[in-house]
Amino acid sequence: MVEWLKHSRVRDDDEMPTVEAPPTQPETDEIDQAMVKAAIAEWRESKLYPGEGGTRFFDLACKLRDAGMPLGAIRTP
């Protein structure tokens, strides 16, 4: 590992490729209530899957976002 570090070089910011961030919000202002209800119903069933709570909670947030909910509304209980 030390040898690798000795022979490596640090990139200047000018050399770093630019990458566009993916959109974090859908382009519509409408919230698909059917998708929201389905996502919440699926989340409520997560207790049947021990050990998957974190993943299923993240999936819930993604599905609410995909349904058109703004981030602030997803974060608000």
C-alpha atoms as a PDB file:
ATOM      1  CA  MET A   1       0.000   0.000   0.000  1.00  0.00           C
ATOM      2  CA  VAL A   2       2.788   2.426   0.842  1.00  0.00           C
ATOM      3  CA  GLU A   3       4.408   1.810  -2.558  1.00  0.00           C
ATOM      4  CA  TRP A   4       1.135   2.554  -4.300  1.00  0.00           C
ATOM      5  CA  LEU A   5       0.834   5.839  -2.437  1.00  0.00           C
ATOM      6  CA  LYS A   6       4.428   6.780  -3.269  1.00  0.00           C
ATOM      7  CA  HIS A   7       3.770   6.364  -6.983  1.00  0.00           C
ATOM      8  CA  SER A   8       0.318   7.906  -7.106  1.00  0.00           C
ATOM      9  CA  ARG A   9      -0.417  11.490  -8.046  1.00  0.00           C
ATOM     10  CA  VAL A  10      -3.064  13.898  -6.887  1.00  0.00           C
ATOM     11  CA  ARG A  11      -5.376  15.349  -9.505  1.00  0.00           C
ATOM     12  CA  ASP A  12      -5.876  19.058  -9.805  1.00  0.00           C
ATOM     13  CA  ASP A  13      -9.463  20.286  -9.730  1.00  0.00           C
ATOM     14  CA  ASP A  14      -9.028  21.232 -13.398  1.00  0.00           C
ATOM     15  CA  GLU A  15      -8.420  17.569 -14.229  1.00  0.00           C
ATOM     16  CA  MET A  16     -11.520  16.280 -12.477  1.00  0.00           C
ATOM     17  CA  PRO A  17     -14.311  15.295 -14.847  1.00  0.00           C
ATOM     18  CA  THR A  18     -17.576  17.107 -14.409  1.00  0.00           C
ATOM     19  CA  VAL A  19     -20.534  14.897 -13.662  1.00  0.00           C
ATOM     20  CA  GLU A  20     -24.108  16.091 -13.697  1.00  0.00           C
ATOM     21  CA  ALA A  21     -26.057  15.110 -10.633  1.00  0.00           C
ATOM     22  CA  PRO A  22     -29.214  13.147 -11.323  1.00  0.00           C
ATOM     23  CA  PRO A  23     -32.458  15.002 -10.714  1.00  0.00           C
ATOM     24  CA  THR A  24     -33.603  14.639  -7.134  1.00  0.00           C
ATOM     25  CA  GLN A  25     -37.194  15.621  -7.755  1.00  0.00           C
ATOM     26  CA  PRO A  26     -39.627  14.619 -10.460  1.00  0.00           C
ATOM     27  CA  GLU A  27     -40.308  17.330 -13.005  1.00  0.00           C
ATOM     28  CA  THR A  28     -44.015  17.492 -12.201  1.00  0.00           C
ATOM     29  CA  ASP A  29     -45.695  19.332  -9.345  1.00  0.00           C
ATOM     30  CA  GLU A  30     -48.448  16.738  -9.016  1.00  0.00           C
ATOM     31  CA  ILE A  31     -48.361  14.082  -6.313  1.00  0.00           C
ATOM     32  CA  ASP A  32     -49.627  10.665  -7.348  1.00  0.00           C
ATOM     33  CA  GLN A  33     -51.755   9.828  -4.306  1.00  0.00           C
ATOM     34  CA  ALA A  34     -52.244   6.224  -5.413  1.00  0.00           C
ATOM     35  CA  MET A  35     -48.465   5.723  -5.432  1.00  0.00           C
ATOM     36  CA  VAL A  36     -48.194   7.375  -2.013  1.00  0.00           C
ATOM     37  CA  LYS A  37     -50.879   5.127  -0.527  1.00  0.00           C
ATOM     38  CA  ALA A  38     -49.281   2.015  -2.042  1.00  0.00           C
ATOM     39  CA  ALA A  39     -45.835   2.968  -0.725  1.00  0.00           C
ATOM     40  CA  ILE A  40     -47.186   3.600   2.776  1.00  0.00           C
ATOM     41  CA  ALA A  41     -49.141   0.338   2.754  1.00  0.00           C
ATOM     42  CA  GLU A  42     -45.982  -1.535   1.720  1.00  0.00           C
ATOM     43  CA  TRP A  43     -43.996   0.222   4.479  1.00  0.00           C
ATOM     44  CA  ARG A  44     -46.568  -0.800   7.077  1.00  0.00           C
ATOM     45  CA  GLU A  45     -45.997  -4.425   6.097  1.00  0.00           C
ATOM     46  CA  SER A  46     -42.251  -4.097   6.752  1.00  0.00           C
ATOM     47  CA  LYS A  47     -42.654  -5.502  10.263  1.00  0.00           C
ATOM     48  CA  LEU A  48     -43.138  -8.869   8.560  1.00  0.00           C
ATOM     49  CA  TYR A  49     -39.537  -8.668   7.299  1.00  0.00           C
ATOM     50  CA  PRO A  50     -37.215  -8.469  10.327  1.00  0.00           C
ATOM     51  CA  GLY A  51     -33.811  -6.998   9.589  1.00  0.00           C
ATOM     52  CA  GLU A  52     -34.968  -5.122   6.490  1.00  0.00           C
ATOM     53  CA  GLY A  53     -36.319  -2.020   8.222  1.00  0.00           C
ATOM     54  CA  GLY A  54     -33.592   0.370   7.099  1.00  0.00           C
ATOM     55  CA  THR A  55     -33.730  -0.732   3.489  1.00  0.00           C
ATOM     56  CA  ARG A  56     -37.508  -0.660   3.421  1.00  0.00           C
ATOM     57  CA  PHE A  57     -37.572   2.813   5.010  1.00  0.00           C
ATOM     58  CA  PHE A  58     -35.175   4.072   2.338  1.00  0.00           C
ATOM     59  CA  ASP A  59     -37.364   2.442  -0.333  1.00  0.00           C
ATOM     60  CA  LEU A  60     -40.385   4.238   1.144  1.00  0.00           C
ATOM     61  CA  ALA A  61     -38.651   7.604   0.824  1.00  0.00           C
ATOM     62  CA  CYS A  62     -37.650   6.841  -2.781  1.00  0.00           C
ATOM     63  CA  LYS A  63     -41.175   5.771  -3.687  1.00  0.00           C
ATOM     64  CA  LEU A  64     -42.663   8.901  -2.114  1.00  0.00           C
ATOM     65  CA  ARG A  65     -40.185  10.995  -4.102  1.00  0.00           C
ATOM     66  CA  ASP A  66     -41.098   9.104  -7.279  1.00  0.00           C
ATOM     67  CA  ALA A  67     -44.763   9.794  -6.529  1.00  0.00           C
ATOM     68  CA  GLY A  68     -43.972  13.497  -6.721  1.00  0.00           C
ATOM     69  CA  MET A  69     -43.667  14.422  -3.052  1.00  0.00           C
ATOM     70  CA  PRO A  70     -41.175  17.203  -2.329  1.00  0.00           C
ATOM     71  CA  LEU A  71     -38.328  16.385   0.059  1.00  0.00           C
ATOM     72  CA  GLY A  72     -39.750  18.613   2.796  1.00  0.00           C
ATOM     73  CA  ALA A  73     -43.040  16.722   2.754  1.00  0.00           C
ATOM     74  CA  ILE A  74     -41.244  13.380   2.913  1.00  0.00           C
ATOM     75  CA  ARG A  75     -39.225  14.481   5.934  1.00  0.00           C
ATOM     76  CA  THR A  76     -42.240  15.847   7.818  1.00  0.00           C
ATOM     77  CA  PRO A  77     -43.952  13.195   9.944  1.00  0.00           C
END
